[in-house]
Amino acid sequence: MPTTRRRDYTAALPENAPHFGYSFLPGLLFVALMWLVSLLSYLTGADLAFLGIRPRTFLGLIGVFLGPLIHGDLLHLLSNTFPLLLLSGFILYMHRRVASKVIVLVYLLSGLLTWVVGRQAYHIGASGVVYGLAGFLLFNGFLRQHRGAMAVSLAILFLYSGLFYGLFPGEERVSWEGHVAGLVSGLVAAIAYGEGKPEPTGTQPLAPDVVQRHMSSTIGPHYQHMFVSYTVGPEPQGQLYTYTFNANAISVITPTKGNGATSKDKRKASTTYERETERRKKTP
């Protein structure tokens, strides 16, 4: 009987997966690039805000690619550095197969949505990307209904609960539109690339060594019944088994691989059974 096997949330990781710390390397490199851009802007006194996202303008599309690298001040840079490093590292480690797709989708979609719905101002900073990565981890657990993924979702809710305050209009200099766009992009990524199959809710397979009562009237002229003990396990695809009935011992021999018994074997088994029955009747 085929059984339903659930895929463990961590079993998808290959046995030879790189060290946990290596998963944070791409995020660390991106953060280093952010700091380098900010340092050059500070040393030269250049205002790079014009490279941010300018909604609904053709040149404003440049900000979709360059906007996350530009920050207004040191506090703005610090507020995005650690969440971006941690969230990208967790995604690269736990969702290695789709991590690159998720990060690229969040990066581009969060910027495009900000370009569509944002106010007429330059939107800069990696906050939209941070919200997108957090949204992916958050929604993936609840959409897949998997215990491991839901544990990650609850951890995100606990560690980054303050992010939800940024989804509502508040300070004028804060791009809440970029935050909402990032969260929506995380939801889209979770629907498109989310991992972790839901827990099976169907009927459970039979327990091993189940004893079934087998009633049969086709193996002889008399109505007989016997108990057959067998072990239930996964059913190999395209593999058949037959059971040979031993009329002398009134038992079933261990299953043998094959396509089925021939008519000659069936006649032989029936004749043997009839002879054994006649012998028992004559025995006092």
C-alpha atoms as a PDB file:
ATOM      1  CA  MET A   1       0.000   0.000   0.000  1.00  0.00           C
ATOM      2  CA  PRO A   2       1.480   3.372  -0.928  1.00  0.00           C
ATOM      3  CA  THR A   3       1.984   5.701   1.984  1.00  0.00           C
ATOM      4  CA  THR A   4       2.069   9.490   2.164  1.00  0.00           C
ATOM      5  CA  ARG A   5       5.496  10.750   3.076  1.00  0.00           C
ATOM      6  CA  ARG A   6       5.977  14.283   4.282  1.00  0.00           C
ATOM      7  CA  ARG A   7       9.089  16.178   3.383  1.00  0.00           C
ATOM      8  CA  ASP A   8      10.816  17.403   6.474  1.00  0.00           C
ATOM      9  CA  TYR A   9      11.462  21.124   6.435  1.00  0.00           C
ATOM     10  CA  THR A  10      15.193  20.717   7.062  1.00  0.00           C
ATOM     11  CA  ALA A  11      15.639  17.490   5.131  1.00  0.00           C
ATOM     12  CA  ALA A  12      15.699  19.452   1.876  1.00  0.00           C
ATOM     13  CA  LEU A  13      19.180  20.702   2.745  1.00  0.00           C
ATOM     14  CA  PRO A  14      21.893  18.587   1.115  1.00  0.00           C
ATOM     15  CA  GLU A  15      24.185  16.639   3.417  1.00  0.00           C
ATOM     16  CA  ASN A  16      27.216  18.419   2.030  1.00  0.00           C
ATOM     17  CA  ALA A  17      25.681  21.889   2.441  1.00  0.00           C
ATOM     18  CA  PRO A  18      28.189  24.656   3.089  1.00  0.00           C
ATOM     19  CA  HIS A  19      28.785  25.886   6.595  1.00  0.00           C
ATOM     20  CA  PHE A  20      26.042  27.983   8.171  1.00  0.00           C
ATOM     21  CA  GLY A  21      28.283  31.037   8.224  1.00  0.00           C
ATOM     22  CA  TYR A  22      28.835  30.928   4.465  1.00  0.00           C
ATOM     23  CA  SER A  23      25.156  31.682   3.914  1.00  0.00           C
ATOM     24  CA  PHE A  24      25.713  35.201   5.246  1.00  0.00           C
ATOM     25  CA  LEU A  25      28.537  35.978   2.811  1.00  0.00           C
ATOM     26  CA  PRO A  26      26.381  37.348  -0.071  1.00  0.00           C
ATOM     27  CA  GLY A  27      24.460  39.579   2.329  1.00  0.00           C
ATOM     28  CA  LEU A  28      27.704  40.735   3.883  1.00  0.00           C
ATOM     29  CA  LEU A  29      29.072  41.720   0.478  1.00  0.00           C
ATOM     30  CA  PHE A  30      25.928  43.676  -0.365  1.00  0.00           C
ATOM     31  CA  VAL A  31      26.032  45.449   3.005  1.00  0.00           C
ATOM     32  CA  ALA A  32      29.694  46.284   2.417  1.00  0.00           C
ATOM     33  CA  LEU A  33      28.734  47.836  -0.936  1.00  0.00           C
ATOM     34  CA  MET A  34      26.065  49.920   0.815  1.00  0.00           C
ATOM     35  CA  TRP A  35      28.619  51.186   3.312  1.00  0.00           C
ATOM     36  CA  LEU A  36      31.128  51.924   0.562  1.00  0.00           C
ATOM     37  CA  VAL A  37      28.606  54.035  -1.345  1.00  0.00           C
ATOM     38  CA  SER A  38      27.660  55.915   1.816  1.00  0.00           C
ATOM     39  CA  LEU A  39      31.317  56.478   2.701  1.00  0.00           C
ATOM     40  CA  LEU A  40      32.113  57.870  -0.750  1.00  0.00           C
ATOM     41  CA  SER A  41      29.043  60.094  -0.587  1.00  0.00           C
ATOM     42  CA  TYR A  42      30.140  61.425   2.813  1.00  0.00           C
ATOM     43  CA  LEU A  43      33.760  62.025   1.785  1.00  0.00           C
ATOM     44  CA  THR A  44      32.886  63.768  -1.448  1.00  0.00           C
ATOM     45  CA  GLY A  45      29.825  65.568  -0.158  1.00  0.00           C
ATOM     46  CA  ALA A  46      27.798  64.301  -3.117  1.00  0.00           C
ATOM     47  CA  ASP A  47      24.053  63.982  -2.759  1.00  0.00           C
ATOM     48  CA  LEU A  48      23.070  60.709  -4.455  1.00  0.00           C
ATOM     49  CA  ALA A  49      19.367  60.925  -3.691  1.00  0.00           C
ATOM     50  CA  PHE A  50      18.651  61.580  -7.368  1.00  0.00           C
ATOM     51  CA  LEU A  51      19.568  57.938  -8.000  1.00  0.00           C
ATOM     52  CA  GLY A  52      16.629  56.802  -5.886  1.00  0.00           C
ATOM     53  CA  ILE A  53      13.169  55.758  -7.075  1.00  0.00           C
ATOM     54  CA  ARG A  54      11.172  58.630  -8.558  1.00  0.00           C
ATOM     55  CA  PRO A  55       7.620  57.239  -8.956  1.00  0.00           C
ATOM     56  CA  ARG A  56       6.033  57.212 -12.399  1.00  0.00           C
ATOM     57  CA  THR A  57       8.944  58.831 -14.208  1.00  0.00           C
ATOM     58  CA  PHE A  58      11.136  57.082 -16.745  1.00  0.00           C
ATOM     59  CA  LEU A  59      14.440  58.139 -15.146  1.00  0.00           C
ATOM     60  CA  GLY A  60      13.009  57.167 -11.785  1.00  0.00           C
ATOM     61  CA  LEU A  61      13.255  53.515 -12.816  1.00  0.00           C
ATOM     62  CA  ILE A  62      17.011  53.754 -12.228  1.00  0.00           C
ATOM     63  CA  GLY A  63      16.206  53.754  -8.529  1.00  0.00           C
ATOM     64  CA  VAL A  64      14.792  50.234  -8.778  1.00  0.00           C
ATOM     65  CA  PHE A  65      18.385  49.040  -9.194  1.00  0.00           C
ATOM     66  CA  LEU A  66      20.382  51.722  -7.359  1.00  0.00           C
ATOM     67  CA  GLY A  67      17.970  53.009  -4.716  1.00  0.00           C
ATOM     68  CA  PRO A  68      18.664  50.251  -2.111  1.00  0.00           C
ATOM     69  CA  LEU A  69      22.371  51.217  -2.111  1.00  0.00           C
ATOM     70  CA  ILE A  70      21.749  54.846  -1.127  1.00  0.00           C
ATOM     71  CA  HIS A  71      20.922  55.998   2.411  1.00  0.00           C
ATOM     72  CA  GLY A  72      20.220  59.354   3.919  1.00  0.00           C
ATOM     73  CA  ASP A  73      22.337  59.181   7.084  1.00  0.00           C
ATOM     74  CA  LEU A  74      24.182  56.808   9.416  1.00  0.00           C
ATOM     75  CA  LEU A  75      21.063  55.863  11.402  1.00  0.00           C
ATOM     76  CA  HIS A  76      19.236  54.980   8.194  1.00  0.00           C
ATOM     77  CA  LEU A  77      22.170  52.841   7.098  1.00  0.00           C
ATOM     78  CA  LEU A  78      22.433  51.020  10.429  1.00  0.00           C
ATOM     79  CA  SER A  79      18.701  50.314  10.588  1.00  0.00           C
ATOM     80  CA  ASN A  80      18.924  48.365   7.321  1.00  0.00           C
ATOM     81  CA  THR A  81      22.336  46.737   7.754  1.00  0.00           C
ATOM     82  CA  PHE A  82      21.650  44.099  10.408  1.00  0.00           C
ATOM     83  CA  PRO A  83      18.154  43.011   9.273  1.00  0.00           C
ATOM     84  CA  LEU A  84      19.358  42.702   5.687  1.00  0.00           C
ATOM     85  CA  LEU A  85      22.365  40.633   6.724  1.00  0.00           C
ATOM     86  CA  LEU A  86      20.400  38.284   8.988  1.00  0.00           C
ATOM     87  CA  LEU A  87      17.345  37.773   6.794  1.00  0.00           C
ATOM     88  CA  SER A  88      19.318  37.126   3.616  1.00  0.00           C
ATOM     89  CA  GLY A  89      21.533  34.664   5.480  1.00  0.00           C
ATOM     90  CA  PHE A  90      18.563  32.704   6.829  1.00  0.00           C
ATOM     91  CA  ILE A  91      16.930  32.510   3.406  1.00  0.00           C
ATOM     92  CA  LEU A  92      20.163  31.371   1.753  1.00  0.00           C
ATOM     93  CA  TYR A  93      20.638  28.670   4.374  1.00  0.00           C
ATOM     94  CA  MET A  94      17.088  27.327   4.749  1.00  0.00           C
ATOM     95  CA  HIS A  95      15.895  27.815   1.156  1.00  0.00           C
ATOM     96  CA  ARG A  96      19.125  27.276  -0.757  1.00  0.00           C
ATOM     97  CA  ARG A  97      17.357  25.886  -3.830  1.00  0.00           C
ATOM     98  CA  VAL A  98      15.227  29.008  -4.438  1.00  0.00           C
ATOM     99  CA  ALA A  99      17.110  31.652  -2.427  1.00  0.00           C
ATOM    100  CA  SER A 100      18.547  33.482  -5.429  1.00  0.00           C
ATOM    101  CA  LYS A 101      15.146  33.647  -7.127  1.00  0.00           C
ATOM    102  CA  VAL A 102      13.493  34.927  -3.968  1.00  0.00           C
ATOM    103  CA  ILE A 103      16.078  37.654  -3.371  1.00  0.00           C
ATOM    104  CA  VAL A 104      16.057  38.858  -7.000  1.00  0.00           C
ATOM    105  CA  LEU A 105      12.252  38.897  -7.091  1.00  0.00           C
ATOM    106  CA  VAL A 106      12.014  40.827  -3.820  1.00  0.00           C
ATOM    107  CA  TYR A 107      14.704  43.298  -4.873  1.00  0.00           C
ATOM    108  CA  LEU A 108      13.101  44.165  -8.213  1.00  0.00           C
ATOM    109  CA  LEU A 109       9.413  43.856  -7.354  1.00  0.00           C
ATOM    110  CA  SER A 110       9.650  45.980  -4.202  1.00  0.00           C
ATOM    111  CA  GLY A 111      11.246  48.765  -6.263  1.00  0.00           C
ATOM    112  CA  LEU A 112       8.742  48.512  -9.093  1.00  0.00           C
ATOM    113  CA  LEU A 113       5.753  48.604  -6.741  1.00  0.00           C
ATOM    114  CA  THR A 114       7.246  51.643  -4.997  1.00  0.00           C
ATOM    115  CA  TRP A 115       7.643  53.287  -8.410  1.00  0.00           C
ATOM    116  CA  VAL A 116       3.936  52.634  -9.074  1.00  0.00           C
ATOM    117  CA  VAL A 117       2.339  53.674  -5.743  1.00  0.00           C
ATOM    118  CA  GLY A 118       4.930  55.982  -4.167  1.00  0.00           C
ATOM    119  CA  ARG A 119       4.674  59.712  -3.536  1.00  0.00           C
ATOM    120  CA  GLN A 120       6.411  62.182  -5.823  1.00  0.00           C
ATOM    121  CA  ALA A 121       9.737  62.108  -4.024  1.00  0.00           C
ATOM    122  CA  TYR A 122      13.011  60.223  -4.195  1.00  0.00           C
ATOM    123  CA  HIS A 123      12.683  56.902  -2.339  1.00  0.00           C
ATOM    124  CA  ILE A 124      16.071  55.608  -1.194  1.00  0.00           C
ATOM    125  CA  GLY A 125      17.334  52.884   1.120  1.00  0.00           C
ATOM    126  CA  ALA A 126      17.095  49.087   1.383  1.00  0.00           C
ATOM    127  CA  SER A 127      14.049  49.126   3.669  1.00  0.00           C
ATOM    128  CA  GLY A 128      11.823  47.739   0.932  1.00  0.00           C
ATOM    129  CA  VAL A 129      14.185  44.801   0.432  1.00  0.00           C
ATOM    130  CA  VAL A 130      14.281  44.153   4.196  1.00  0.00           C
ATOM    131  CA  TYR A 131      10.492  44.112   4.365  1.00  0.00           C
ATOM    132  CA  GLY A 132      10.386  41.782   1.374  1.00  0.00           C
ATOM    133  CA  LEU A 133      12.783  39.231   2.890  1.00  0.00           C
ATOM    134  CA  ALA A 134      10.981  39.347   6.236  1.00  0.00           C
ATOM    135  CA  GLY A 135       7.644  38.988   4.445  1.00  0.00           C
ATOM    136  CA  PHE A 136       8.837  35.907   2.571  1.00  0.00           C
ATOM    137  CA  LEU A 137       9.866  34.123   5.773  1.00  0.00           C
ATOM    138  CA  LEU A 138       6.692  35.258   7.505  1.00  0.00           C
ATOM    139  CA  PHE A 139       4.163  34.274   4.841  1.00  0.00           C
ATOM    140  CA  ASN A 140       5.921  31.077   3.782  1.00  0.00           C
ATOM    141  CA  GLY A 141       5.199  29.390   7.112  1.00  0.00           C
ATOM    142  CA  PHE A 142       1.536  30.325   7.258  1.00  0.00           C
ATOM    143  CA  LEU A 143       0.875  29.521   3.605  1.00  0.00           C
ATOM    144  CA  ARG A 144       2.551  26.092   3.719  1.00  0.00           C
ATOM    145  CA  GLN A 145       1.149  25.102   7.141  1.00  0.00           C
ATOM    146  CA  HIS A 146       4.398  23.352   8.002  1.00  0.00           C
ATOM    147  CA  ARG A 147       5.597  23.265  11.577  1.00  0.00           C
ATOM    148  CA  GLY A 148       9.224  24.080  10.780  1.00  0.00           C
ATOM    149  CA  ALA A 149       8.326  26.967   8.491  1.00  0.00           C
ATOM    150  CA  MET A 150       5.760  28.289  10.961  1.00  0.00           C
ATOM    151  CA  ALA A 151       8.397  28.295  13.702  1.00  0.00           C
ATOM    152  CA  VAL A 152      10.516  30.583  11.509  1.00  0.00           C
ATOM    153  CA  SER A 153       7.464  32.781  10.889  1.00  0.00           C
ATOM    154  CA  LEU A 154       6.815  33.145  14.605  1.00  0.00           C
ATOM    155  CA  ALA A 155      10.469  33.997  15.167  1.00  0.00           C
ATOM    156  CA  ILE A 156      10.217  36.742  12.540  1.00  0.00           C
ATOM    157  CA  LEU A 157       7.101  38.094  14.240  1.00  0.00           C
ATOM    158  CA  PHE A 158       8.926  38.171  17.559  1.00  0.00           C
ATOM    159  CA  LEU A 159      12.222  39.644  16.364  1.00  0.00           C
ATOM    160  CA  TYR A 160      10.895  42.123  13.805  1.00  0.00           C
ATOM    161  CA  SER A 161       7.475  43.025  15.154  1.00  0.00           C
ATOM    162  CA  GLY A 162       8.540  46.681  15.082  1.00  0.00           C
ATOM    163  CA  LEU A 163       8.679  46.539  11.289  1.00  0.00           C
ATOM    164  CA  PHE A 164       4.889  46.665  11.114  1.00  0.00           C
ATOM    165  CA  TYR A 165       4.863  50.208  12.455  1.00  0.00           C
ATOM    166  CA  GLY A 166       6.548  51.284   9.233  1.00  0.00           C
ATOM    167  CA  LEU A 167       3.592  50.117   7.146  1.00  0.00           C
ATOM    168  CA  PHE A 168       1.470  53.125   8.074  1.00  0.00           C
ATOM    169  CA  PRO A 169       1.943  56.798   7.193  1.00  0.00           C
ATOM    170  CA  GLY A 170       3.904  58.577   9.886  1.00  0.00           C
ATOM    171  CA  GLU A 171       7.042  60.617   9.545  1.00  0.00           C
ATOM    172  CA  GLU A 172       7.159  62.467   6.260  1.00  0.00           C
ATOM    173  CA  ARG A 173      10.740  61.412   5.479  1.00  0.00           C
ATOM    174  CA  VAL A 174       9.939  57.702   5.897  1.00  0.00           C
ATOM    175  CA  SER A 175       8.814  55.873   2.756  1.00  0.00           C
ATOM    176  CA  TRP A 176       5.978  53.764   4.094  1.00  0.00           C
ATOM    177  CA  GLU A 177       4.991  53.033   0.488  1.00  0.00           C
ATOM    178  CA  GLY A 178       8.345  51.286   0.008  1.00  0.00           C
ATOM    179  CA  HIS A 179       7.720  49.234   3.156  1.00  0.00           C
ATOM    180  CA  VAL A 180       4.295  48.111   1.950  1.00  0.00           C
ATOM    181  CA  ALA A 181       5.695  47.342  -1.490  1.00  0.00           C
ATOM    182  CA  GLY A 182       8.426  45.220   0.086  1.00  0.00           C
ATOM    183  CA  LEU A 183       5.958  43.248   2.209  1.00  0.00           C
ATOM    184  CA  VAL A 184       3.758  42.593  -0.812  1.00  0.00           C
ATOM    185  CA  SER A 185       6.777  41.427  -2.804  1.00  0.00           C
ATOM    186  CA  GLY A 186       7.615  39.014   0.039  1.00  0.00           C
ATOM    187  CA  LEU A 187       4.094  37.605  -0.163  1.00  0.00           C
ATOM    188  CA  VAL A 188       4.438  37.125  -3.924  1.00  0.00           C
ATOM    189  CA  ALA A 189       7.785  35.376  -3.428  1.00  0.00           C
ATOM    190  CA  ALA A 190       6.289  33.072  -0.789  1.00  0.00           C
ATOM    191  CA  ILE A 191       3.475  32.088  -3.151  1.00  0.00           C
ATOM    192  CA  ALA A 192       5.806  31.585  -6.113  1.00  0.00           C
ATOM    193  CA  TYR A 193       8.838  29.976  -4.483  1.00  0.00           C
ATOM    194  CA  GLY A 194       7.773  28.960  -0.976  1.00  0.00           C
ATOM    195  CA  GLU A 195       9.061  25.639   0.313  1.00  0.00           C
ATOM    196  CA  GLY A 196       7.828  23.161   2.927  1.00  0.00           C
ATOM    197  CA  LYS A 197       4.998  20.792   2.079  1.00  0.00           C
ATOM    198  CA  PRO A 198       1.933  20.864   4.368  1.00  0.00           C
ATOM    199  CA  GLU A 199       1.545  18.153   6.945  1.00  0.00           C
ATOM    200  CA  PRO A 200      -0.479  15.178   5.556  1.00  0.00           C
ATOM    201  CA  THR A 201      -4.013  15.029   6.931  1.00  0.00           C
ATOM    202  CA  GLY A 202      -5.223  11.928   5.092  1.00  0.00           C
ATOM    203  CA  THR A 203      -5.799   8.464   6.500  1.00  0.00           C
ATOM    204  CA  GLN A 204      -2.822   6.786   8.091  1.00  0.00           C
ATOM    205  CA  PRO A 205      -1.454   3.553   6.582  1.00  0.00           C
ATOM    206  CA  LEU A 206      -2.165   0.233   8.248  1.00  0.00           C
ATOM    207  CA  ALA A 207       0.144  -0.748  11.062  1.00  0.00           C
ATOM    208  CA  PRO A 208       2.697  -3.516  10.412  1.00  0.00           C
ATOM    209  CA  ASP A 209       1.849  -7.165  11.162  1.00  0.00           C
ATOM    210  CA  VAL A 210      -1.888  -6.688  10.724  1.00  0.00           C
ATOM    211  CA  VAL A 211      -3.813  -9.972  10.887  1.00  0.00           C
ATOM    212  CA  GLN A 212      -6.714 -10.122   8.449  1.00  0.00           C
ATOM    213  CA  ARG A 213      -9.338 -12.849   8.272  1.00  0.00           C
ATOM    214  CA  HIS A 214      -9.470 -14.237   4.738  1.00  0.00           C
ATOM    215  CA  MET A 215     -12.654 -16.057   3.654  1.00  0.00           C
ATOM    216  CA  SER A 216     -12.423 -18.145   0.495  1.00  0.00           C
ATOM    217  CA  SER A 217     -14.571 -20.719  -1.266  1.00  0.00           C
ATOM    218  CA  THR A 218     -12.611 -20.881  -4.526  1.00  0.00           C
ATOM    219  CA  ILE A 219      -9.800 -23.207  -3.493  1.00  0.00           C
ATOM    220  CA  GLY A 220     -11.936 -26.277  -2.845  1.00  0.00           C
ATOM    221  CA  PRO A 221     -15.455 -27.653  -2.674  1.00  0.00           C
ATOM    222  CA  HIS A 222     -15.846 -26.755   1.003  1.00  0.00           C
ATOM    223  CA  TYR A 223     -16.119 -23.350   2.613  1.00  0.00           C
ATOM    224  CA  GLN A 224     -12.849 -22.603   4.352  1.00  0.00           C
ATOM    225  CA  HIS A 225     -11.335 -19.667   6.168  1.00  0.00           C
ATOM    226  CA  MET A 226      -7.851 -18.897   7.348  1.00  0.00           C
ATOM    227  CA  PHE A 227      -5.874 -16.069   8.961  1.00  0.00           C
ATOM    228  CA  VAL A 228      -3.251 -14.349   6.852  1.00  0.00           C
ATOM    229  CA  SER A 229      -0.526 -12.331   8.588  1.00  0.00           C
ATOM    230  CA  TYR A 230       1.311  -9.815   6.426  1.00  0.00           C
ATOM    231  CA  THR A 231       3.386  -6.668   6.811  1.00  0.00           C
ATOM    232  CA  VAL A 232       2.262  -3.425   5.189  1.00  0.00           C
ATOM    233  CA  GLY A 233       4.967  -1.262   3.645  1.00  0.00           C
ATOM    234  CA  PRO A 234       5.560   1.089   0.704  1.00  0.00           C
ATOM    235  CA  GLU A 235       4.437  -0.399  -2.575  1.00  0.00           C
ATOM    236  CA  PRO A 236       7.175  -0.396  -5.221  1.00  0.00           C
ATOM    237  CA  GLN A 237       6.061   0.960  -8.556  1.00  0.00           C
ATOM    238  CA  GLY A 238       5.513  -1.701 -11.226  1.00  0.00           C
ATOM    239  CA  GLN A 239       6.371  -4.645  -8.925  1.00  0.00           C
ATOM    240  CA  LEU A 240       3.874  -7.497  -8.358  1.00  0.00           C
ATOM    241  CA  TYR A 241       3.850 -10.305  -5.799  1.00  0.00           C
ATOM    242  CA  THR A 242       1.892 -13.570  -5.557  1.00  0.00           C
ATOM    243  CA  TYR A 243       1.175 -15.762  -2.515  1.00  0.00           C
ATOM    244  CA  THR A 244       1.380 -19.562  -2.819  1.00  0.00           C
ATOM    245  CA  PHE A 245      -1.128 -21.560  -0.759  1.00  0.00           C
ATOM    246  CA  ASN A 246       0.224 -24.682   0.930  1.00  0.00           C
ATOM    247  CA  ALA A 247      -2.723 -27.082   1.158  1.00  0.00           C
ATOM    248  CA  ASN A 248      -0.883 -29.555   3.405  1.00  0.00           C
ATOM    249  CA  ALA A 249      -0.052 -27.028   6.105  1.00  0.00           C
ATOM    250  CA  ILE A 250      -3.103 -24.790   5.473  1.00  0.00           C
ATOM    251  CA  SER A 251      -0.823 -21.771   5.363  1.00  0.00           C
ATOM    252  CA  VAL A 252       0.520 -19.147   3.024  1.00  0.00           C
ATOM    253  CA  ILE A 253       4.137 -19.294   1.944  1.00  0.00           C
ATOM    254  CA  THR A 254       6.348 -16.186   1.873  1.00  0.00           C
ATOM    255  CA  PRO A 255       5.446 -14.014  -1.127  1.00  0.00           C
ATOM    256  CA  THR A 256       7.479 -14.535  -4.246  1.00  0.00           C
ATOM    257  CA  LYS A 257       8.098 -12.057  -7.011  1.00  0.00           C
ATOM    258  CA  GLY A 258       6.305 -12.755 -10.253  1.00  0.00           C
ATOM    259  CA  ASN A 259       3.446 -11.854 -12.520  1.00  0.00           C
ATOM    260  CA  GLY A 260       0.996 -14.482 -11.202  1.00  0.00           C
ATOM    261  CA  ALA A 261       0.397 -18.241 -11.073  1.00  0.00           C
ATOM    262  CA  THR A 262      -0.381 -20.258 -14.201  1.00  0.00           C
ATOM    263  CA  SER A 263      -3.534 -22.317 -14.673  1.00  0.00           C
ATOM    264  CA  LYS A 264      -1.448 -25.493 -14.316  1.00  0.00           C
ATOM    265  CA  ASP A 265      -0.223 -24.406 -10.886  1.00  0.00           C
ATOM    266  CA  LYS A 266      -3.763 -23.562  -9.824  1.00  0.00           C
ATOM    267  CA  ARG A 267      -5.052 -27.022 -10.892  1.00  0.00           C
ATOM    268  CA  LYS A 268      -2.169 -28.674  -9.057  1.00  0.00           C
ATOM    269  CA  ALA A 269      -2.883 -26.771  -5.854  1.00  0.00           C
ATOM    270  CA  SER A 270      -6.619 -27.570  -6.076  1.00  0.00           C
ATOM    271  CA  THR A 271      -5.930 -31.303  -6.679  1.00  0.00           C
ATOM    272  CA  THR A 272      -3.512 -31.443  -3.737  1.00  0.00           C
ATOM    273  CA  TYR A 273      -6.080 -29.796  -1.490  1.00  0.00           C
ATOM    274  CA  GLU A 274      -8.838 -32.235  -2.529  1.00  0.00           C
ATOM    275  CA  ARG A 275      -6.589 -35.240  -1.869  1.00  0.00           C
ATOM    276  CA  GLU A 276      -5.691 -33.918   1.553  1.00  0.00           C
ATOM    277  CA  THR A 277      -9.373 -33.390   2.350  1.00  0.00           C
ATOM    278  CA  GLU A 278     -10.289 -36.961   1.315  1.00  0.00           C
ATOM    279  CA  ARG A 279      -7.403 -38.344   3.373  1.00  0.00           C
ATOM    280  CA  ARG A 280      -8.578 -36.531   6.477  1.00  0.00           C
ATOM    281  CA  LYS A 281     -12.134 -37.805   6.029  1.00  0.00           C
ATOM    282  CA  LYS A 282     -10.900 -41.416   5.878  1.00  0.00           C
ATOM    283  CA  THR A 283      -8.644 -41.002   8.876  1.00  0.00           C
ATOM    284  CA  PRO A 284     -10.486 -42.233  12.084  1.00  0.00           C
END
